[in-house]
Amino acid sequence: MKRSDIVRASHLLYSSWVISRGESDEKAFPRRDVLTSALEKVINKGAFPEWFRKGLTFVDGRTGRICIELPEIEQVANDANLKSDPNPSYRRTQIEATAAVAERLLILIGVPVSEAARWGRELREAVSEMDHAMAE
C-alpha cells in the first residue's frame, strides 16, 4: 500500500470501530494478534470496501498470522491521536477519537457512515469471538 492508502485504511479501520460503539461496548481497541485474526475473518466474509480488503496482506509469521500493513496503520492512528500510545503489557489500546472525529474522517475518505458502522460491528463481533477462543 502507498502511504496515502495506509492513511485512508487507518482512518477507515479506527473510525469504523468508533462509529460502531454501542452503549455497552468498551472504548478500547484489541491488541494486534486478536485484531489480525478478527480482521482477516471479516474481510474474508466481504466486510470493508474492496480497496481496503485488497490492500491488506495476511501471512503466516513466526508467532502466527500477521497483517503486513497493520503496524503502519496503527502508527498512523497513533500519530493522528485516534488512539493512545501502545504499551506491550496492555491487552487493549485506548481509543481517543470521538464519534464526531470518526464521522468527519469517514466523510473525508468517501465512506458512508452507515456502512462503516456495520463493518465496525462485524469487526467487534469477530474480536469478541477471538477473545473467547483465546481465553479457552
Protein backbone atom coordinates (compact mmCIF):
# COMPACT_ATOMS: atom_id res chain seq x y z
CA MET A 1 0.00 0.00 0.00
CA LYS A 2 1.11 3.54 -0.70
CA ARG A 3 1.35 5.93 2.24
CA SER A 4 -1.90 7.66 1.26
CA ASP A 5 -3.67 4.28 1.21
CA ILE A 6 -2.25 3.43 4.65
CA VAL A 7 -3.65 6.72 5.99
CA ARG A 8 -7.04 6.05 4.41
CA ALA A 9 -7.05 2.45 5.76
CA SER A 10 -6.18 3.69 9.24
CA HIS A 11 -8.97 6.26 9.19
CA LEU A 12 -11.44 3.64 7.98
CA LEU A 13 -10.45 0.97 10.50
CA TYR A 14 -10.43 3.18 13.58
CA SER A 15 -13.44 5.25 12.55
CA SER A 16 -15.47 2.09 11.91
CA TRP A 17 -14.60 0.88 15.39
CA VAL A 18 -15.58 4.21 16.98
CA ILE A 19 -18.81 4.61 14.99
CA SER A 20 -19.96 1.07 15.81
CA ARG A 21 -19.60 1.54 19.55
CA GLY A 22 -22.79 0.83 21.44
CA GLU A 23 -23.63 1.84 24.98
CA SER A 24 -22.23 -1.40 26.40
CA ASP A 25 -19.16 -1.61 24.16
CA GLU A 26 -15.84 -0.67 25.62
CA LYS A 27 -13.80 2.12 24.11
CA ALA A 28 -10.60 0.06 23.89
CA PHE A 29 -9.18 -1.41 20.70
CA PRO A 30 -7.86 -5.01 20.64
CA ARG A 31 -4.20 -5.95 20.61
CA ARG A 32 -2.62 -6.75 17.25
CA ASP A 33 -2.89 -10.57 17.26
CA VAL A 34 -6.59 -10.51 18.09
CA LEU A 35 -7.22 -7.69 15.63
CA THR A 36 -5.36 -9.53 12.86
CA SER A 37 -7.43 -12.68 13.29
CA ALA A 38 -10.70 -10.79 13.53
CA LEU A 39 -9.88 -8.51 10.62
CA GLU A 40 -8.94 -11.41 8.37
CA LYS A 41 -12.17 -13.18 9.31
CA VAL A 42 -14.45 -10.26 8.47
CA ILE A 43 -12.54 -9.41 5.31
CA ASN A 44 -12.95 -12.99 4.10
CA LYS A 45 -16.69 -12.52 4.62
CA GLY A 46 -16.66 -9.38 2.45
CA ALA A 47 -16.61 -6.66 5.10
CA PHE A 48 -15.00 -3.32 4.27
CA PRO A 49 -14.54 -1.82 0.80
CA GLU A 50 -12.64 -3.68 -1.89
CA TRP A 51 -9.69 -1.24 -1.84
CA PHE A 52 -9.23 -1.97 1.88
CA ARG A 53 -9.63 -5.76 1.55
CA LYS A 54 -7.23 -5.99 -1.37
CA GLY A 55 -4.71 -3.64 0.25
CA LEU A 56 -4.09 -5.85 3.28
CA THR A 57 -1.71 -8.79 3.19
CA PHE A 58 -2.13 -11.64 5.69
CA VAL A 59 0.67 -14.19 6.01
CA ASP A 60 1.90 -16.82 8.43
CA GLY A 61 4.57 -15.34 10.66
CA ARG A 62 6.82 -16.77 13.32
CA THR A 63 4.16 -16.33 16.01
CA GLY A 64 1.01 -16.82 13.94
CA ARG A 65 -0.93 -14.86 11.34
CA ILE A 66 0.20 -11.31 10.72
CA CYS A 67 -1.06 -8.44 8.61
CA ILE A 68 1.93 -6.82 6.93
CA GLU A 69 0.32 -3.35 6.77
CA LEU A 70 -1.14 -3.29 10.29
CA PRO A 71 1.87 -1.77 12.12
CA GLU A 72 1.84 1.21 9.74
CA ILE A 73 -1.94 1.55 10.03
CA GLU A 74 -1.61 1.57 13.82
CA GLN A 75 1.20 4.14 13.69
CA VAL A 76 -0.92 6.49 11.57
CA ALA A 77 -3.75 6.18 14.10
CA ASN A 78 -1.32 6.89 16.90
CA ASP A 79 0.15 9.93 15.11
CA ALA A 80 -3.35 11.28 14.43
CA ASN A 81 -4.34 10.87 18.10
CA LEU A 82 -7.05 8.38 17.19
CA LYS A 83 -5.67 6.04 19.87
CA SER A 84 -3.30 6.11 22.81
CA ASP A 85 0.36 5.13 22.63
CA PRO A 86 0.74 1.36 22.51
CA ASN A 87 2.05 -0.49 25.54
CA PRO A 88 3.03 -4.15 25.08
CA SER A 89 1.76 -5.04 28.56
CA TYR A 90 -1.79 -3.89 27.77
CA ARG A 91 -4.33 -6.23 26.21
CA ARG A 92 -6.04 -3.28 24.55
CA THR A 93 -5.27 0.24 23.36
CA GLN A 94 -7.49 3.12 24.41
CA ILE A 95 -9.34 4.87 21.60
CA GLU A 96 -9.06 8.66 21.76
CA ALA A 97 -11.20 9.60 18.74
CA THR A 98 -14.76 10.78 19.29
CA ALA A 99 -17.70 9.86 17.11
CA ALA A 100 -17.59 13.37 15.60
CA VAL A 101 -13.95 12.90 14.57
CA ALA A 102 -14.67 9.44 13.19
CA GLU A 103 -17.62 10.69 11.14
CA ARG A 104 -15.56 13.54 9.70
CA LEU A 105 -12.73 11.18 8.72
CA LEU A 106 -15.20 8.85 7.01
CA ILE A 107 -16.64 11.76 5.04
CA LEU A 108 -13.13 12.81 4.01
CA ILE A 109 -12.31 9.33 2.67
CA GLY A 110 -15.71 8.95 1.00
CA VAL A 111 -17.10 6.11 3.11
CA PRO A 112 -20.75 6.17 4.21
CA VAL A 113 -21.03 6.31 8.00
CA SER A 114 -23.77 3.65 7.99
CA GLU A 115 -21.53 1.21 6.09
CA ALA A 116 -18.59 1.90 8.39
CA ALA A 117 -20.80 1.28 11.42
CA ARG A 118 -21.89 -2.09 10.01
CA TRP A 119 -18.28 -3.13 9.32
CA GLY A 120 -17.26 -1.97 12.78
CA ARG A 121 -19.98 -4.08 14.39
CA GLU A 122 -18.85 -7.11 12.38
CA LEU A 123 -15.27 -6.50 13.50
CA ARG A 124 -16.33 -6.08 17.14
CA GLU A 125 -18.22 -9.38 16.98
CA ALA A 126 -15.20 -11.17 15.48
CA VAL A 127 -12.89 -9.63 18.12
CA SER A 128 -15.22 -10.91 20.85
CA GLU A 129 -15.16 -14.39 19.31
CA MET A 130 -11.35 -14.33 19.09
CA ASP A 131 -11.07 -13.15 22.70
CA HIS A 132 -13.29 -16.01 23.87
CA ALA A 133 -11.40 -18.57 21.77
CA MET A 134 -8.02 -17.40 23.10
CA ALA A 135 -9.29 -17.48 26.70
CA GLU A 136 -10.26 -21.15 26.46
